[in-house]
Protein backbone atom coordinates (compact mmCIF):
# COMPACT_ATOMS: atom_id res chain seq x y z
CA MET A 1 -39.75 -115.19 -61.58
CA GLY A 2 -41.35 -112.14 -59.80
CA PRO A 3 -41.49 -111.59 -56.02
CA VAL A 4 -45.33 -111.77 -55.47
CA TRP A 5 -47.17 -114.89 -54.30
CA LEU A 6 -51.04 -114.83 -54.40
CA ASP A 7 -53.82 -117.28 -54.35
CA VAL A 8 -56.64 -118.59 -56.54
CA HIS A 9 -60.30 -118.73 -55.72
CA ALA A 10 -61.42 -122.32 -56.49
CA GLU A 11 -60.62 -125.72 -58.15
CA ARG A 12 -60.12 -124.11 -61.53
CA ILE A 13 -58.82 -120.74 -62.53
CA ASP A 14 -61.07 -118.13 -64.03
CA ASN A 15 -60.37 -115.59 -66.74
CA GLU A 16 -59.34 -112.87 -64.37
CA GLU A 17 -56.87 -115.12 -62.75
CA LYS A 18 -55.35 -116.15 -66.06
CA GLU A 19 -54.58 -112.50 -66.64
CA ILE A 20 -53.10 -111.96 -63.15
CA LEU A 21 -50.95 -115.06 -63.36
CA ALA A 22 -49.38 -113.84 -66.59
CA HIS A 23 -48.15 -110.67 -64.68
CA PRO A 24 -44.35 -110.77 -64.66
CA SER A 25 -44.29 -109.83 -61.02
CA VAL A 26 -46.08 -113.04 -60.07
CA GLY A 27 -43.51 -115.64 -58.87
CA GLY A 28 -45.81 -118.09 -56.98
CA VAL A 29 -49.16 -119.33 -56.14
CA ILE A 30 -50.21 -120.77 -52.64
CA LEU A 31 -53.07 -123.18 -52.54
CA PHE A 32 -55.65 -123.72 -49.88
CA ALA A 33 -58.32 -126.39 -49.05
CA ARG A 34 -60.75 -124.77 -51.25
CA ASN A 35 -58.54 -125.45 -54.26
CA TYR A 36 -58.76 -129.19 -53.70
CA HIS A 37 -61.29 -131.82 -54.66
CA ASP A 38 -59.39 -134.89 -55.69
CA SER A 39 -56.04 -135.93 -56.99
CA GLU A 40 -56.87 -135.63 -60.69
CA GLN A 41 -58.36 -132.16 -60.33
CA LEU A 42 -55.29 -130.92 -58.27
CA GLN A 43 -52.81 -132.18 -60.95
CA ALA A 44 -55.03 -130.38 -63.54
CA LEU A 45 -55.07 -127.23 -61.54
CA THR A 46 -51.28 -127.04 -61.06
CA ALA A 47 -50.81 -127.62 -64.78
CA GLU A 48 -53.41 -124.93 -65.53
CA ILE A 49 -51.69 -122.42 -63.29
CA ARG A 50 -48.24 -122.80 -65.07
CA ALA A 51 -49.84 -122.73 -68.42
CA ALA A 52 -51.64 -119.42 -67.52
CA ALA A 53 -48.31 -117.89 -66.15
CA GLY A 54 -46.44 -118.95 -69.28
CA ARG A 55 -43.45 -119.92 -67.16
CA ASP A 56 -42.68 -122.33 -64.53
CA ILE A 57 -43.61 -120.39 -61.46
CA LEU A 58 -43.49 -121.85 -57.93
CA ILE A 59 -46.55 -123.51 -56.38
CA GLY A 60 -46.84 -124.01 -52.69
CA VAL A 61 -49.14 -125.03 -49.87
CA ASP A 62 -49.11 -125.28 -46.10
CA GLN A 63 -49.21 -129.13 -45.61
CA GLU A 64 -47.54 -129.34 -42.31
CA GLY A 65 -49.71 -132.02 -40.79
CA GLY A 66 -52.09 -131.89 -37.86
CA ARG A 67 -54.56 -129.02 -38.15
CA VAL A 68 -52.52 -127.44 -41.00
CA GLN A 69 -53.13 -129.83 -43.84
CA ARG A 70 -54.89 -128.46 -46.79
CA PHE A 71 -55.27 -131.64 -48.90
CA LYS A 72 -57.11 -134.59 -47.50
CA ALA A 73 -57.64 -138.19 -48.90
CA PRO A 74 -56.10 -139.82 -50.89
CA PHE A 75 -53.27 -137.73 -49.31
CA THR A 76 -51.89 -139.39 -46.23
CA ARG A 77 -52.91 -137.76 -43.03
CA ILE A 78 -49.71 -136.23 -41.63
CA PRO A 79 -49.51 -136.16 -37.74
CA ALA A 80 -49.23 -132.90 -35.80
CA ALA A 81 -45.64 -131.88 -35.01
CA GLN A 82 -46.36 -132.08 -31.36
CA SER A 83 -47.26 -135.77 -31.54
CA TYR A 84 -43.70 -137.16 -32.14
CA GLY A 85 -42.33 -135.88 -28.74
CA ALA A 86 -45.63 -136.40 -26.94
CA LEU A 87 -45.56 -140.13 -27.94
CA LYS A 88 -41.76 -140.41 -27.61
CA ALA A 89 -41.60 -141.59 -31.16
CA ASP A 90 -38.41 -142.63 -32.77
CA ALA A 91 -37.17 -139.76 -35.02
CA SER A 92 -37.51 -141.96 -38.05
CA VAL A 93 -41.35 -141.58 -37.78
CA ALA A 94 -40.99 -137.66 -38.31
CA GLU A 95 -38.53 -138.37 -41.10
CA GLN A 96 -41.01 -140.71 -42.90
CA ALA A 97 -43.79 -138.12 -42.37
CA GLY A 98 -41.61 -135.48 -44.06
CA TRP A 99 -40.75 -137.66 -46.94
CA LEU A 100 -44.29 -138.78 -47.38
CA MET A 101 -45.78 -135.28 -47.30
CA ALA A 102 -43.19 -134.08 -49.86
CA ALA A 103 -43.48 -136.93 -52.16
CA GLU A 104 -47.26 -136.70 -52.39
CA LEU A 105 -47.17 -132.98 -53.10
CA ILE A 106 -44.46 -133.35 -55.74
CA ALA A 107 -46.54 -135.95 -57.46
CA HIS A 108 -49.29 -133.32 -57.89
CA GLY A 109 -47.12 -130.69 -59.36
CA ILE A 110 -46.38 -128.80 -56.09
CA ASP A 111 -42.97 -127.44 -55.27
CA LEU A 112 -43.16 -126.41 -51.69
CA SER A 113 -44.84 -127.04 -48.34
CA PHE A 114 -43.85 -124.12 -46.14
CA ALA A 115 -42.22 -126.23 -43.41
CA PRO A 116 -40.84 -127.05 -40.90
CA VAL A 117 -42.27 -124.90 -38.14
CA LEU A 118 -39.25 -124.20 -35.79
CA ASP A 119 -41.18 -122.26 -33.08
CA LEU A 120 -40.66 -123.51 -29.50
CA GLY A 121 -43.68 -124.45 -27.33
CA PHE A 122 -47.44 -124.98 -27.57
CA ALA A 123 -48.91 -121.79 -25.75
CA CYS A 124 -49.13 -119.45 -28.67
CA ALA A 125 -52.59 -119.44 -30.38
CA ALA A 126 -50.95 -119.37 -33.72
CA ILE A 127 -48.71 -122.35 -33.04
CA LYS A 128 -50.17 -124.77 -30.58
CA ASP A 129 -49.52 -128.35 -31.92
CA ARG A 130 -47.56 -127.08 -34.94
CA ALA A 131 -44.49 -127.00 -32.73
CA PHE A 132 -42.17 -130.00 -32.51
CA GLY A 133 -41.45 -129.51 -28.93
CA ASP A 134 -41.30 -127.20 -25.82
CA ASN A 135 -37.58 -127.68 -25.26
CA PRO A 136 -34.95 -127.08 -27.86
CA ALA A 137 -33.37 -130.61 -27.92
CA GLU A 138 -36.77 -132.28 -28.60
CA ALA A 139 -37.79 -129.62 -31.19
CA ILE A 140 -34.53 -129.91 -33.00
CA ARG A 141 -34.47 -133.70 -33.01
CA TYR A 142 -37.94 -134.17 -34.57
CA ALA A 143 -37.83 -131.08 -36.90
CA ARG A 144 -34.41 -132.09 -38.25
CA ALA A 145 -35.76 -135.54 -38.97
CA PHE A 146 -38.89 -134.14 -40.66
CA THR A 147 -36.78 -131.72 -42.78
CA GLN A 148 -34.31 -134.42 -43.80
CA GLY A 149 -37.29 -136.39 -45.12
CA MET A 150 -38.58 -133.58 -47.08
CA ARG A 151 -35.26 -132.76 -48.68
CA ALA A 152 -34.45 -136.55 -49.40
CA VAL A 153 -37.33 -136.52 -51.91
CA GLY A 154 -36.35 -133.15 -53.36
CA MET A 155 -38.50 -130.49 -51.72
CA ALA A 156 -36.85 -127.44 -50.34
CA SER A 157 -37.35 -126.68 -46.75
CA THR A 158 -38.72 -123.29 -45.27
CA GLY A 159 -38.10 -122.64 -41.62
CA LYS A 160 -40.65 -120.51 -39.82
CA HIS A 161 -41.27 -118.23 -37.99
CA PHE A 162 -38.01 -116.61 -37.55
CA PRO A 163 -36.77 -115.65 -34.96
CA GLY A 164 -39.41 -117.44 -32.95
CA HIS A 165 -43.16 -117.20 -32.54
CA GLY A 166 -43.69 -119.43 -29.61
CA GLY A 167 -42.92 -116.80 -26.89
CA VAL A 168 -46.27 -114.86 -27.33
CA GLN A 169 -49.83 -116.05 -26.79
CA GLU A 170 -51.57 -113.83 -29.39
CA ASP A 171 -52.26 -115.03 -32.83
CA SER A 172 -50.48 -113.05 -35.47
CA HIS A 173 -53.32 -113.90 -37.98
CA LEU A 174 -55.33 -111.36 -36.01
CA VAL A 175 -53.07 -108.89 -34.16
CA THR A 176 -49.43 -107.93 -34.01
CA PRO A 177 -47.87 -109.69 -30.99
CA HIS A 178 -45.10 -108.04 -28.99
CA ASP A 179 -42.37 -110.36 -27.50
CA PRO A 180 -40.27 -108.28 -24.97
CA ARG A 181 -37.56 -110.93 -24.52
CA GLU A 182 -33.96 -110.54 -25.64
CA MET A 183 -34.33 -112.92 -28.47
CA LEU A 184 -30.74 -113.28 -29.48
CA HIS A 185 -30.17 -115.34 -26.28
CA SER A 186 -33.34 -117.21 -26.39
CA SER A 187 -33.85 -120.98 -26.92
CA ASP A 188 -36.24 -120.08 -29.73
CA PHE A 189 -33.58 -118.17 -31.70
CA ALA A 190 -30.98 -120.92 -31.03
CA ILE A 191 -33.12 -123.50 -32.98
CA PHE A 192 -33.06 -121.29 -36.13
CA LYS A 193 -29.33 -120.71 -35.60
CA ALA A 194 -28.71 -124.52 -35.41
CA PHE A 195 -30.73 -125.33 -38.58
CA ILE A 196 -28.78 -122.62 -40.51
CA GLU A 197 -25.40 -123.85 -39.27
CA GLU A 198 -26.40 -127.46 -40.28
CA GLY A 199 -27.33 -126.29 -43.72
CA LEU A 200 -30.92 -127.62 -43.32
CA LEU A 201 -32.92 -124.62 -44.60
CA ASP A 202 -33.47 -123.49 -48.16
CA ALA A 203 -35.80 -120.70 -47.25
CA MET A 204 -36.93 -118.80 -44.19
CA MET A 205 -40.22 -117.12 -43.23
CA PRO A 206 -40.14 -114.45 -40.52
CA ALA A 207 -42.79 -113.81 -37.88
CA HIS A 208 -45.32 -110.84 -37.96
CA VAL A 209 -44.05 -110.38 -34.27
CA VAL A 210 -42.50 -107.27 -32.85
CA TYR A 211 -39.47 -107.79 -30.46
CA PRO A 212 -39.19 -104.32 -29.04
CA HIS A 213 -35.95 -105.10 -27.11
CA HIS A 214 -34.33 -105.11 -30.78
CA ASP A 215 -36.64 -103.27 -33.21
CA ALA A 216 -39.94 -101.42 -33.43
CA GLN A 217 -40.96 -103.27 -36.70
CA PRO A 218 -42.35 -106.81 -36.92
CA ALA A 219 -39.47 -109.25 -37.93
CA SER A 220 -41.21 -109.70 -41.27
CA ALA A 221 -40.31 -106.07 -42.23
CA SER A 222 -37.34 -105.50 -40.06
CA ALA A 223 -34.02 -104.86 -41.61
CA PHE A 224 -32.31 -105.61 -38.25
CA TRP A 225 -33.77 -109.13 -38.24
CA LEU A 226 -33.58 -110.01 -42.01
CA THR A 227 -30.42 -108.26 -43.12
CA GLN A 228 -28.27 -107.60 -40.04
CA ILE A 229 -29.06 -110.78 -38.12
CA LEU A 230 -30.33 -113.37 -40.54
CA ARG A 231 -28.04 -112.38 -43.55
CA GLN A 232 -24.94 -110.85 -42.00
CA GLN A 233 -24.56 -112.50 -38.51
CA LEU A 234 -25.99 -115.96 -39.28
CA GLY A 235 -24.78 -115.97 -42.88
CA PHE A 236 -28.18 -117.38 -44.19
CA LYS A 237 -27.94 -117.72 -48.02
CA GLY A 238 -31.42 -118.99 -48.88
CA LEU A 239 -34.61 -117.15 -49.97
CA ILE A 240 -36.69 -115.19 -47.45
CA PHE A 241 -40.50 -115.37 -47.81
CA SER A 242 -42.74 -112.94 -45.90
CA ASP A 243 -45.54 -114.55 -44.04
CA ASP A 244 -49.00 -113.62 -45.59
CA LEU A 245 -49.19 -109.89 -45.61
CA SER A 246 -52.92 -110.08 -45.44
CA MET A 247 -52.63 -111.33 -41.79
CA GLY A 248 -53.63 -108.90 -39.08
CA GLY A 249 -50.10 -109.04 -37.63
CA ALA A 250 -48.77 -107.17 -40.88
CA HIS A 251 -51.44 -104.43 -40.94
CA VAL A 252 -49.16 -102.05 -38.73
CA LEU A 253 -47.19 -101.65 -41.91
CA GLY A 254 -49.84 -99.82 -43.77
CA ASP A 255 -52.01 -100.84 -46.84
CA ALA A 256 -51.13 -103.79 -48.90
CA PRO A 257 -48.57 -102.12 -51.19
CA ALA A 258 -46.87 -100.35 -48.16
CA ARG A 259 -46.58 -103.84 -46.47
CA ALA A 260 -45.07 -105.48 -49.62
CA CYS A 261 -42.62 -102.68 -50.10
CA ALA A 262 -41.62 -102.57 -46.36
CA ALA A 263 -40.96 -106.46 -46.36
CA LEU A 264 -38.96 -106.25 -49.59
CA GLU A 265 -36.95 -103.34 -48.47
CA ALA A 266 -36.18 -105.04 -45.12
CA GLY A 267 -34.78 -108.06 -46.92
CA CYS A 268 -37.60 -110.39 -47.96
CA ASP A 269 -37.16 -111.91 -51.61
CA MET A 270 -40.72 -112.81 -51.97
CA VAL A 271 -43.99 -111.67 -50.38
CA LEU A 272 -47.24 -113.53 -49.93
CA VAL A 273 -50.60 -111.61 -50.38
CA CYS A 274 -53.33 -114.12 -49.85
CA ASN A 275 -57.11 -114.28 -49.57
CA ASP A 276 -57.57 -110.54 -50.70
CA ARG A 277 -57.68 -110.17 -54.43
CA ASP A 278 -57.99 -106.43 -54.40
CA SER A 279 -54.87 -106.12 -52.28
CA ALA A 280 -52.93 -108.61 -54.50
CA VAL A 281 -53.79 -106.53 -57.54
CA ALA A 282 -52.80 -103.30 -55.84
CA VAL A 283 -49.47 -104.84 -54.92
CA LEU A 284 -48.90 -105.94 -58.45
CA ASP A 285 -49.83 -102.50 -59.78
CA THR A 286 -47.52 -100.69 -57.35
CA LEU A 287 -44.27 -102.70 -57.25
CA PRO A 288 -41.64 -102.20 -60.04
CA ILE A 289 -41.26 -105.31 -62.08
CA THR A 290 -38.30 -107.27 -60.72
CA ASP A 291 -36.92 -110.70 -61.04
CA VAL A 292 -35.94 -113.16 -58.28
CA PRO A 293 -33.54 -115.50 -60.09
CA ALA A 294 -32.58 -117.46 -56.83
CA ALA A 295 -36.22 -118.56 -56.54
CA SER A 296 -35.60 -121.03 -59.18
CA GLN A 297 -33.50 -122.97 -56.68
CA LEU A 298 -36.73 -123.86 -54.86
CA ARG A 299 -38.23 -125.53 -57.81
CA VAL A 300 -38.63 -129.30 -57.60
CA ALA A 301 -35.77 -130.80 -59.61
CA LYS A 302 -37.51 -134.07 -60.44
CA THR A 303 -41.06 -135.24 -61.14
CA ILE A 304 -42.91 -138.03 -59.48
CA ASP A 305 -45.82 -139.85 -61.01
CA TRP A 306 -48.66 -140.22 -58.58
CA THR A 307 -49.76 -143.73 -59.88
CA ASP A 308 -46.14 -144.91 -59.65
CA LEU A 309 -45.66 -143.53 -56.18
CA GLN A 310 -48.60 -145.48 -54.85
CA LEU A 311 -46.79 -148.69 -56.08
CA ASP A 312 -43.45 -147.70 -54.61
CA THR A 313 -42.47 -149.85 -51.58
CA ARG A 314 -41.03 -146.79 -49.63
CA TRP A 315 -44.27 -145.00 -50.00
CA LYS A 316 -46.25 -147.95 -48.75
CA SER A 317 -43.83 -148.39 -45.75
CA ALA A 318 -43.92 -144.80 -44.87
CA ARG A 319 -47.70 -144.67 -45.13
CA THR A 320 -48.09 -147.62 -42.84
CA GLN A 321 -45.66 -146.17 -40.30
CA VAL A 322 -47.11 -142.71 -40.28
CA THR A 323 -50.73 -143.84 -40.28
CA ALA A 324 -50.07 -145.98 -37.23
CA HIS A 325 -48.46 -143.14 -35.42
CA GLN A 326 -51.42 -140.91 -36.32
CA ALA A 327 -53.83 -143.53 -34.84
CA LYS A 328 -51.90 -143.56 -31.57
CA TRP A 329 -52.03 -139.82 -31.49
CA GLU A 330 -55.68 -139.76 -32.00
CA THR A 331 -56.16 -142.20 -29.22
CA ALA A 332 -53.97 -140.23 -26.89
CA THR A 333 -55.83 -136.93 -27.50
CA ALA A 334 -59.40 -138.34 -27.74
């Protein structure tokens, strides 16, 4: 399984994409809303991707809930992370939401939703209601429950955006934010540290944010953050994904191949290059062919039949509870 994740254009893959997916450096595909029409089509697409690759590569999506949910009905609408604390919900609601989200994706041949968001606070343009809280205790409580729900059904968890994206207002999709704080003593950093100590994270995704008190490079390409702090100081053993290297926040690292090389050299195991086919091809043409054997640990160990899932009493109960919470949130934010 190679280190490069990329995207596909539509609801089916074309001939060019079949050739690209067969490249040995491709280790994963991330899907977007444009790749989804209905349940039957999505199951066919994930099977088609794996057939084209000729191996069981990973398939992921951002299906956090709230404004970041790529697949709609008949998928359950997952509430925004902020909603649990705002409505003072029992943590079991967040756990049911994590379980439900993961079960529905697994039933469509998808290994990962890149979650949970562990950033603190709602002021950042890139985060907003994706955060579980604006104080550490609340954020940890609900994010822990959501993560436990995901893992209970067999989906690996990916904490993001290490070491904390919530302290800046700028959107790293567009620019490279600078956070001048001493992050090692921040509440933001403490959340990631707590999740690692509790063994709740299988993977990590760093931020395209510069923390100049510590390093001149964004965390996503910083050996200080990824090797010295995450690996050596915190003892994190899971996989490290770059965030999408096509984002504006990564452009300070150079062209696409330079960004990918910088991220990998700093300590990332896998790199995402999305929504820019020319850049993805340039990265595949430039990087040496390598294997990421640890990535197989993120593959879903068991399959779920979508028809059977909809008959399952836990799915029905979780859907009822989560849908009721979503309705309350919609009323509260109307």
